[in-house]
Structures are given as C-alpha cells and as structure tokens.
Amino acid sequence: MKIFIFFFLGLFSTSTMNNANTPTPIDIYNLEGVWDLQYQLLYDNNQVSDTVFNINGYRQVKMYSKGKVMWTRFDPADSNEWFGYGSYSIKGNMLEERLEYASGPMMKIVDTTQVFKFELVMDKNSYQQIAIDETGHYSQSENYTRIE
C-alpha cells in the first residue's frame, strides 16, 4: 500500500512540475527585455517584395519593461538622433506602442502623441512587428532578436 501511495504522489508531483513549465498564451507574447533589429521586410499585396539588411554600422535597439518601451537607432550616414519612449500593450496578437517622448526629428514626424499598431509574430528569442496599412495590407516589418 505504501508503494502504491508513493507511486501516485510521484506521478502527481511530476505532472504538476510539467504543467508549471507549460507556457500560457500570455507568455508567448512576452516582450520584456532588450531586442536588436536584424532586418526589415517590405511587402507588396501581403507578399514580401524586398529585404532591407542593416549595413554600414546601422543599428536599432528596443527595450521593453513593465509596460514601457524605449528605442534608439544609430545610422552613421545620418547625423540626426533617433530615439523614442512610451508605453506598450499587447492585445491578442496586436502590439500597440504609444509614443510619449522622442528625439527632435522623430517628433517632427509624429508631431503629437502617436499610437503605432503592429501585428506581432513571436517566438522565444525573436519577434516580428508587422505594420498594416489603411487598407489592411502588410506594408513593412521589423524583425528583432533578443539580446537580453
């Protein structure tokens, strides 16, 4: 009888440990951390039409923490500073970033608080944010890998 009880206790605790490591849907879209832009995709009629790689020292990094997002971009060919700060949320598979503060050149583009909406495709160490135009078609995407 003792062997029978120990067997079921062992089986129950193994089952509990396995369930604790099973990701929930919210875990799938966890952006907490630091991300490095690898390349961008351009779309035509929802089909990839071109790939834009980072060249000649171009770099863009995003950081997500506790509902806040900050990004910075460095392009040796551009003397402007490029950065932005704001909040973010994920609803379903959609990422929303609300820009609250940014560098001068970026603020000239948006002029006011701006909400950017993207379709989010993600795995453990990479994610893709896909911009959707006013007609509902993909226009471009940024593809990041986790660096922290």
N, C-alpha and C. Protein backbone atom coordinates (compact mmCIF):
# COMPACT_ATOMS: atom_id res chain seq x y z
N MET A 1 0.83 -1.20 0.00
CA MET A 1 0.00 0.00 0.00
C MET A 1 0.87 1.26 0.00
N LYS A 2 1.99 1.25 0.79
CA LYS A 2 2.88 2.41 0.83
C LYS A 2 3.48 2.66 -0.56
N ILE A 3 3.84 1.59 -1.25
CA ILE A 3 4.42 1.74 -2.59
C ILE A 3 3.39 2.37 -3.52
N PHE A 4 2.15 1.95 -3.39
CA PHE A 4 1.08 2.48 -4.21
C PHE A 4 0.90 3.99 -3.97
N ILE A 5 0.91 4.43 -2.72
CA ILE A 5 0.76 5.85 -2.38
C ILE A 5 1.95 6.65 -2.90
N PHE A 6 3.18 6.15 -2.70
CA PHE A 6 4.37 6.86 -3.18
C PHE A 6 4.36 6.97 -4.71
N PHE A 7 3.88 5.93 -5.37
CA PHE A 7 3.81 5.94 -6.83
C PHE A 7 2.89 7.08 -7.30
N PHE A 8 1.69 7.19 -6.71
CA PHE A 8 0.75 8.25 -7.11
C PHE A 8 1.24 9.63 -6.70
N LEU A 9 1.90 9.76 -5.57
CA LEU A 9 2.47 11.06 -5.17
C LEU A 9 3.56 11.48 -6.16
N GLY A 10 4.39 10.53 -6.54
CA GLY A 10 5.44 10.82 -7.52
C GLY A 10 4.85 11.20 -8.87
N LEU A 11 3.84 10.50 -9.30
CA LEU A 11 3.18 10.78 -10.57
C LEU A 11 2.51 12.15 -10.52
N PHE A 12 1.86 12.47 -9.42
CA PHE A 12 1.18 13.76 -9.27
C PHE A 12 2.19 14.91 -9.26
N SER A 13 3.30 14.77 -8.53
CA SER A 13 4.29 15.86 -8.47
C SER A 13 4.99 16.04 -9.81
N THR A 14 5.24 14.98 -10.55
CA THR A 14 5.84 15.10 -11.88
C THR A 14 4.88 15.82 -12.82
N SER A 15 3.60 15.48 -12.74
CA SER A 15 2.58 16.13 -13.57
C SER A 15 2.48 17.61 -13.23
N THR A 16 2.53 17.95 -11.95
CA THR A 16 2.46 19.34 -11.52
C THR A 16 3.66 20.12 -12.01
N MET A 17 4.86 19.55 -11.93
CA MET A 17 6.06 20.24 -12.39
C MET A 17 6.00 20.47 -13.89
N ASN A 18 5.52 19.51 -14.66
CA ASN A 18 5.43 19.68 -16.11
C ASN A 18 4.42 20.76 -16.47
N ASN A 19 3.30 20.83 -15.79
CA ASN A 19 2.30 21.84 -16.06
C ASN A 19 2.79 23.23 -15.70
N ALA A 20 3.65 23.36 -14.69
CA ALA A 20 4.17 24.66 -14.30
C ALA A 20 5.06 25.25 -15.37
N ASN A 21 5.68 24.43 -16.21
CA ASN A 21 6.57 24.92 -17.25
C ASN A 21 5.88 25.09 -18.60
N THR A 22 4.61 24.77 -18.68
CA THR A 22 3.88 24.92 -19.93
C THR A 22 3.52 26.39 -20.10
N PRO A 23 3.94 27.01 -21.22
CA PRO A 23 3.63 28.43 -21.39
C PRO A 23 2.15 28.67 -21.59
N THR A 24 1.67 29.74 -21.02
CA THR A 24 0.30 30.16 -21.24
C THR A 24 0.31 31.11 -22.43
N PRO A 25 -0.83 31.40 -23.01
CA PRO A 25 -0.85 32.31 -24.16
C PRO A 25 -0.18 33.65 -23.88
N ILE A 26 -0.32 34.18 -22.68
CA ILE A 26 0.30 35.47 -22.37
C ILE A 26 1.83 35.36 -22.37
N ASP A 27 2.39 34.20 -21.99
CA ASP A 27 3.83 34.01 -22.02
C ASP A 27 4.38 34.05 -23.44
N ILE A 28 3.58 33.64 -24.40
CA ILE A 28 4.02 33.61 -25.79
C ILE A 28 4.39 35.01 -26.26
N TYR A 29 3.67 36.02 -25.79
CA TYR A 29 3.90 37.39 -26.23
C TYR A 29 4.58 38.23 -25.15
N ASN A 30 5.61 37.70 -24.53
CA ASN A 30 6.34 38.44 -23.50
C ASN A 30 7.52 39.16 -24.14
N LEU A 31 7.42 40.47 -24.27
CA LEU A 31 8.48 41.26 -24.90
C LEU A 31 9.50 41.80 -23.90
N GLU A 32 9.32 41.52 -22.62
CA GLU A 32 10.25 42.05 -21.62
C GLU A 32 11.69 41.72 -22.01
N GLY A 33 12.54 42.74 -22.11
CA GLY A 33 13.93 42.52 -22.45
C GLY A 33 14.44 43.51 -23.47
N VAL A 34 15.60 43.18 -24.03
CA VAL A 34 16.27 44.05 -25.00
C VAL A 34 16.34 43.31 -26.33
N TRP A 35 16.02 44.01 -27.41
CA TRP A 35 15.89 43.42 -28.74
C TRP A 35 16.69 44.21 -29.76
N ASP A 36 17.33 43.50 -30.68
CA ASP A 36 18.18 44.11 -31.70
C ASP A 36 17.56 43.87 -33.08
N LEU A 37 17.36 44.95 -33.85
CA LEU A 37 16.81 44.82 -35.20
C LEU A 37 17.79 44.09 -36.10
N GLN A 38 17.33 43.03 -36.75
CA GLN A 38 18.18 42.26 -37.66
C GLN A 38 17.99 42.68 -39.11
N TYR A 39 16.74 42.86 -39.53
CA TYR A 39 16.44 43.25 -40.90
C TYR A 39 14.98 43.69 -40.97
N GLN A 40 14.61 44.29 -42.08
CA GLN A 40 13.23 44.70 -42.32
C GLN A 40 12.74 44.03 -43.61
N LEU A 41 11.44 43.80 -43.65
CA LEU A 41 10.81 43.26 -44.86
C LEU A 41 9.84 44.30 -45.40
N LEU A 42 9.83 44.46 -46.71
CA LEU A 42 8.86 45.31 -47.38
C LEU A 42 7.87 44.41 -48.09
N TYR A 43 6.60 44.81 -48.09
CA TYR A 43 5.54 43.97 -48.65
C TYR A 43 4.84 44.66 -49.82
N ASP A 44 4.36 43.85 -50.74
CA ASP A 44 3.51 44.30 -51.83
C ASP A 44 2.40 43.25 -51.95
N ASN A 45 1.15 43.67 -51.74
CA ASN A 45 0.00 42.74 -51.75
C ASN A 45 0.20 41.59 -50.77
N ASN A 46 0.66 41.90 -49.58
CA ASN A 46 0.89 40.94 -48.49
C ASN A 46 1.97 39.91 -48.81
N GLN A 47 2.76 40.14 -49.84
CA GLN A 47 3.88 39.26 -50.18
C GLN A 47 5.18 40.04 -49.98
N VAL A 48 6.19 39.38 -49.44
CA VAL A 48 7.47 40.04 -49.24
C VAL A 48 8.03 40.44 -50.60
N SER A 49 8.34 41.74 -50.74
CA SER A 49 8.87 42.23 -52.01
C SER A 49 10.35 42.59 -51.92
N ASP A 50 10.85 42.83 -50.69
CA ASP A 50 12.25 43.18 -50.54
C ASP A 50 12.66 42.98 -49.09
N THR A 51 13.95 42.73 -48.89
CA THR A 51 14.53 42.61 -47.56
C THR A 51 15.57 43.71 -47.42
N VAL A 52 15.50 44.45 -46.31
CA VAL A 52 16.44 45.53 -46.04
C VAL A 52 17.30 45.12 -44.85
N PHE A 53 18.57 44.88 -45.11
CA PHE A 53 19.50 44.48 -44.05
C PHE A 53 20.18 45.70 -43.46
N ASN A 54 20.59 45.58 -42.21
CA ASN A 54 21.37 46.63 -41.56
C ASN A 54 22.78 46.63 -42.16
N ILE A 55 23.21 47.76 -42.70
CA ILE A 55 24.54 47.82 -43.30
C ILE A 55 25.30 49.04 -42.79
N ASN A 56 26.60 49.00 -42.93
CA ASN A 56 27.48 50.13 -42.63
C ASN A 56 27.29 50.69 -41.22
N GLY A 57 27.10 49.84 -40.24
CA GLY A 57 27.00 50.28 -38.86
C GLY A 57 25.62 50.68 -38.38
N TYR A 58 24.60 50.53 -39.22
CA TYR A 58 23.22 50.85 -38.82
C TYR A 58 22.80 49.90 -37.70
N ARG A 59 22.17 50.46 -36.66
CA ARG A 59 21.71 49.62 -35.56
C ARG A 59 20.48 50.23 -34.92
N GLN A 60 19.52 49.37 -34.58
CA GLN A 60 18.32 49.81 -33.86
C GLN A 60 18.05 48.82 -32.74
N VAL A 61 17.83 49.34 -31.54
CA VAL A 61 17.61 48.52 -30.36
C VAL A 61 16.33 48.98 -29.68
N LYS A 62 15.53 48.01 -29.23
CA LYS A 62 14.32 48.29 -28.46
C LYS A 62 14.42 47.62 -27.11
N MET A 63 13.89 48.31 -26.09
CA MET A 63 13.84 47.77 -24.74
C MET A 63 12.41 47.85 -24.23
N TYR A 64 11.91 46.73 -23.72
CA TYR A 64 10.57 46.65 -23.16
C TYR A 64 10.68 46.28 -21.69
N SER A 65 9.98 47.04 -20.84
CA SER A 65 9.98 46.73 -19.41
C SER A 65 8.74 47.30 -18.74
N LYS A 66 7.98 46.45 -18.09
CA LYS A 66 6.84 46.84 -17.26
C LYS A 66 5.90 47.82 -17.97
N GLY A 67 5.54 47.50 -19.20
CA GLY A 67 4.60 48.33 -19.94
C GLY A 67 5.22 49.53 -20.63
N LYS A 68 6.52 49.68 -20.55
CA LYS A 68 7.21 50.81 -21.19
C LYS A 68 8.11 50.31 -22.31
N VAL A 69 8.29 51.14 -23.33
CA VAL A 69 9.16 50.81 -24.45
C VAL A 69 10.09 51.99 -24.71
N MET A 70 11.31 51.69 -25.05
CA MET A 70 12.26 52.72 -25.47
C MET A 70 13.06 52.15 -26.62
N TRP A 71 13.30 52.96 -27.63
CA TRP A 71 14.09 52.51 -28.76
C TRP A 71 15.08 53.60 -29.15
N THR A 72 16.14 53.15 -29.75
CA THR A 72 17.15 54.06 -30.26
C THR A 72 17.69 53.50 -31.57
N ARG A 73 18.05 54.40 -32.44
CA ARG A 73 18.59 53.99 -33.75
C ARG A 73 19.85 54.79 -34.03
N PHE A 74 20.86 54.09 -34.54
CA PHE A 74 22.10 54.74 -34.94
C PHE A 74 22.36 54.43 -36.40
N ASP A 75 22.52 55.48 -37.19
CA ASP A 75 22.85 55.34 -38.60
C ASP A 75 24.02 56.28 -38.88
N PRO A 76 25.22 55.73 -39.12
CA PRO A 76 26.38 56.58 -39.35
C PRO A 76 26.20 57.57 -40.51
N ALA A 77 25.30 57.27 -41.43
CA ALA A 77 25.06 58.15 -42.57
C ALA A 77 24.09 59.28 -42.25
N ASP A 78 23.53 59.30 -41.04
CA ASP A 78 22.52 60.29 -40.65
C ASP A 78 22.99 60.97 -39.37
N SER A 79 23.18 62.28 -39.39
CA SER A 79 23.65 63.00 -38.20
C SER A 79 22.55 63.26 -37.18
N ASN A 80 21.28 62.98 -37.53
CA ASN A 80 20.18 63.16 -36.58
C ASN A 80 20.22 62.10 -35.49
N GLU A 81 19.72 62.47 -34.32
CA GLU A 81 19.50 61.50 -33.25
C GLU A 81 18.11 60.92 -33.44
N TRP A 82 17.98 59.61 -33.25
CA TRP A 82 16.70 58.95 -33.39
C TRP A 82 16.45 58.09 -32.15
N PHE A 83 15.44 58.46 -31.36
CA PHE A 83 15.04 57.64 -30.23
C PHE A 83 13.59 57.97 -29.88
N GLY A 84 12.98 57.08 -29.14
CA GLY A 84 11.61 57.31 -28.70
C GLY A 84 11.35 56.56 -27.40
N TYR A 85 10.37 57.06 -26.66
CA TYR A 85 9.99 56.46 -25.38
C TYR A 85 8.48 56.52 -25.27
N GLY A 86 7.90 55.48 -24.68
CA GLY A 86 6.47 55.48 -24.46
C GLY A 86 6.01 54.23 -23.75
N SER A 87 4.75 53.91 -23.95
CA SER A 87 4.17 52.73 -23.32
C SER A 87 3.77 51.75 -24.41
N TYR A 88 3.57 50.51 -24.00
CA TYR A 88 3.13 49.49 -24.95
C TYR A 88 2.13 48.57 -24.29
N SER A 89 1.34 47.93 -25.14
CA SER A 89 0.41 46.90 -24.66
C SER A 89 0.26 45.87 -25.78
N ILE A 90 -0.12 44.68 -25.36
CA ILE A 90 -0.37 43.60 -26.31
C ILE A 90 -1.80 43.14 -26.11
N LYS A 91 -2.57 43.16 -27.17
CA LYS A 91 -3.96 42.71 -27.14
C LYS A 91 -4.12 41.67 -28.23
N GLY A 92 -4.31 40.42 -27.81
CA GLY A 92 -4.34 39.33 -28.77
C GLY A 92 -2.96 39.20 -29.39
N ASN A 93 -2.89 39.28 -30.71
CA ASN A 93 -1.59 39.24 -31.37
C ASN A 93 -1.20 40.62 -31.92
N MET A 94 -1.79 41.67 -31.34
CA MET A 94 -1.50 43.04 -31.78
C MET A 94 -0.67 43.78 -30.72
N LEU A 95 0.39 44.41 -31.19
CA LEU A 95 1.26 45.22 -30.36
C LEU A 95 0.90 46.68 -30.60
N GLU A 96 0.67 47.43 -29.53
CA GLU A 96 0.43 48.87 -29.63
C GLU A 96 1.52 49.59 -28.85
N GLU A 97 2.17 50.53 -29.51
CA GLU A 97 3.16 51.38 -28.85
C GLU A 97 2.67 52.82 -28.94
N ARG A 98 2.63 53.49 -27.79
CA ARG A 98 2.18 54.87 -27.71
C ARG A 98 3.40 55.74 -27.43
N LEU A 99 3.81 56.51 -28.41
CA LEU A 99 4.98 57.37 -28.27
C LEU A 99 4.64 58.58 -27.41
N GLU A 100 5.41 58.77 -26.34
CA GLU A 100 5.19 59.89 -25.42
C GLU A 100 6.27 60.95 -25.56
N TYR A 101 7.46 60.53 -25.90
CA TYR A 101 8.60 61.44 -25.98
C TYR A 101 9.55 60.88 -27.02
N ALA A 102 10.19 61.76 -27.78
CA ALA A 102 11.11 61.28 -28.81
C ALA A 102 12.11 62.38 -29.16
N SER A 103 13.10 61.99 -29.94
CA SER A 103 14.09 62.94 -30.43
C SER A 103 13.41 63.96 -31.34
N GLY A 104 14.07 65.08 -31.54
CA GLY A 104 13.52 66.15 -32.37
C GLY A 104 13.07 65.70 -33.75
N PRO A 105 13.92 65.00 -34.52
CA PRO A 105 13.48 64.56 -35.85
C PRO A 105 12.27 63.64 -35.80
N MET A 106 12.20 62.79 -34.80
CA MET A 106 11.05 61.88 -34.70
C MET A 106 9.79 62.66 -34.33
N MET A 107 9.90 63.62 -33.43
CA MET A 107 8.73 64.42 -33.04
C MET A 107 8.21 65.24 -34.21
N LYS A 108 9.10 65.66 -35.12
CA LYS A 108 8.64 66.37 -36.31
C LYS A 108 7.79 65.47 -37.19
N ILE A 109 8.08 64.18 -37.17
CA ILE A 109 7.32 63.23 -37.98
C ILE A 109 5.94 63.00 -37.38
N VAL A 110 5.88 62.80 -36.09
CA VAL A 110 4.59 62.47 -35.47
C VAL A 110 3.88 63.68 -34.90
N ASP A 111 4.62 64.70 -34.49
CA ASP A 111 4.11 65.98 -34.02
C ASP A 111 3.28 65.92 -32.73
N THR A 112 2.66 64.80 -32.43
CA THR A 112 1.89 64.64 -31.20
C THR A 112 2.06 63.22 -30.71
N THR A 113 1.41 62.90 -29.59
CA THR A 113 1.43 61.52 -29.12
C THR A 113 0.85 60.64 -30.20
N GLN A 114 1.55 59.60 -30.52
CA GLN A 114 1.17 58.75 -31.64
C GLN A 114 1.07 57.30 -31.19
N VAL A 115 0.07 56.59 -31.66
CA VAL A 115 -0.07 55.17 -31.39
C VAL A 115 0.31 54.40 -32.65
N PHE A 116 1.25 53.49 -32.49
CA PHE A 116 1.66 52.63 -33.60
C PHE A 116 1.11 51.24 -33.32
N LYS A 117 0.46 50.63 -34.30
CA LYS A 117 -0.13 49.31 -34.14
C LYS A 117 0.53 48.35 -35.11
N PHE A 118 0.88 47.16 -34.59
CA PHE A 118 1.56 46.15 -35.38
C PHE A 118 0.95 44.78 -35.10
N GLU A 119 0.96 43.92 -36.11
CA GLU A 119 0.70 42.51 -35.87
C GLU A 119 1.99 41.94 -35.28
N LEU A 120 1.86 41.12 -34.26
CA LEU A 120 3.02 40.57 -33.55
C LEU A 120 3.14 39.08 -33.83
N VAL A 121 4.32 38.68 -34.31
CA VAL A 121 4.64 37.27 -34.51
C VAL A 121 5.89 37.02 -33.69
N MET A 122 5.84 36.03 -32.80
CA MET A 122 6.90 35.92 -31.82
C MET A 122 7.23 34.48 -31.48
N ASP A 123 8.51 34.24 -31.17
CA ASP A 123 8.91 33.02 -30.51
C ASP A 123 9.81 33.41 -29.35
N LYS A 124 10.48 32.46 -28.75
CA LYS A 124 11.21 32.73 -27.51
C LYS A 124 12.29 33.81 -27.66
N ASN A 125 13.04 33.81 -28.76
CA ASN A 125 14.17 34.72 -28.90
C ASN A 125 14.11 35.63 -30.11
N SER A 126 12.96 35.76 -30.74
CA SER A 126 12.82 36.69 -31.85
C SER A 126 11.37 37.13 -31.96
N TYR A 127 11.19 38.28 -32.58
CA TYR A 127 9.82 38.70 -32.87
C TYR A 127 9.81 39.57 -34.11
N GLN A 128 8.65 39.64 -34.71
CA GLN A 128 8.42 40.42 -35.91
C GLN A 128 7.23 41.33 -35.64
N GLN A 129 7.39 42.63 -35.88
CA GLN A 129 6.27 43.56 -35.78
C GLN A 129 5.94 44.01 -37.20
N ILE A 130 4.71 43.72 -37.62
CA ILE A 130 4.30 43.96 -38.99
C ILE A 130 3.33 45.14 -39.02
N ALA A 131 3.71 46.19 -39.75
CA ALA A 131 2.83 47.35 -39.92
C ALA A 131 1.78 47.01 -40.97
N ILE A 132 0.55 47.45 -40.68
CA ILE A 132 -0.57 47.20 -41.58
C ILE A 132 -1.09 48.55 -42.06
N ASP A 133 -1.23 48.70 -43.38
CA ASP A 133 -1.66 49.99 -43.93
C ASP A 133 -3.16 50.18 -43.76
N GLU A 134 -3.66 51.33 -44.22
CA GLU A 134 -5.07 51.69 -44.03
C GLU A 134 -6.03 50.76 -44.77
N THR A 135 -5.52 49.98 -45.74
CA THR A 135 -6.39 49.04 -46.46
C THR A 135 -6.34 47.64 -45.85
N GLY A 136 -5.55 47.47 -44.79
CA GLY A 136 -5.47 46.17 -44.13
C GLY A 136 -4.38 45.27 -44.66
N HIS A 137 -3.51 45.79 -45.52
CA HIS A 137 -2.42 45.01 -46.08
C HIS A 137 -1.12 45.27 -45.32
N TYR A 138 -0.27 44.25 -45.28
CA TYR A 138 1.06 44.43 -44.70
C TYR A 138 1.83 45.45 -45.53
N SER A 139 2.57 46.35 -44.83
CA SER A 139 3.38 47.32 -45.56
C SER A 139 4.87 47.07 -45.33
N GLN A 140 5.25 46.86 -44.10
CA GLN A 140 6.64 46.53 -43.79
C GLN A 140 6.71 45.90 -42.42
N SER A 141 7.83 45.22 -42.14
CA SER A 141 8.01 44.62 -40.82
C SER A 141 9.43 44.86 -40.35
N GLU A 142 9.56 44.90 -39.04
CA GLU A 142 10.87 44.92 -38.39
C GLU A 142 11.03 43.59 -37.69
N ASN A 143 12.21 43.00 -37.82
CA ASN A 143 12.46 41.66 -37.30
C ASN A 143 13.62 41.72 -36.31
N TYR A 144 13.32 41.38 -35.06
CA TYR A 144 14.26 41.54 -33.96
C TYR A 144 14.66 40.20 -33.36
N THR A 145 15.85 40.18 -32.76
CA THR A 145 16.27 39.05 -31.94
C THR A 145 16.56 39.56 -30.54
N ARG A 146 16.33 38.70 -29.57
CA ARG A 146 16.56 39.05 -28.16
C ARG A 146 18.07 39.09 -27.89
N ILE A 147 18.52 40.17 -27.24
CA ILE A 147 19.93 40.23 -26.84
C ILE A 147 20.06 40.20 -25.33
N GLU A 148 18.97 40.31 -24.61
CA GLU A 148 18.99 40.17 -23.15
C GLU A 148 17.64 39.69 -22.67
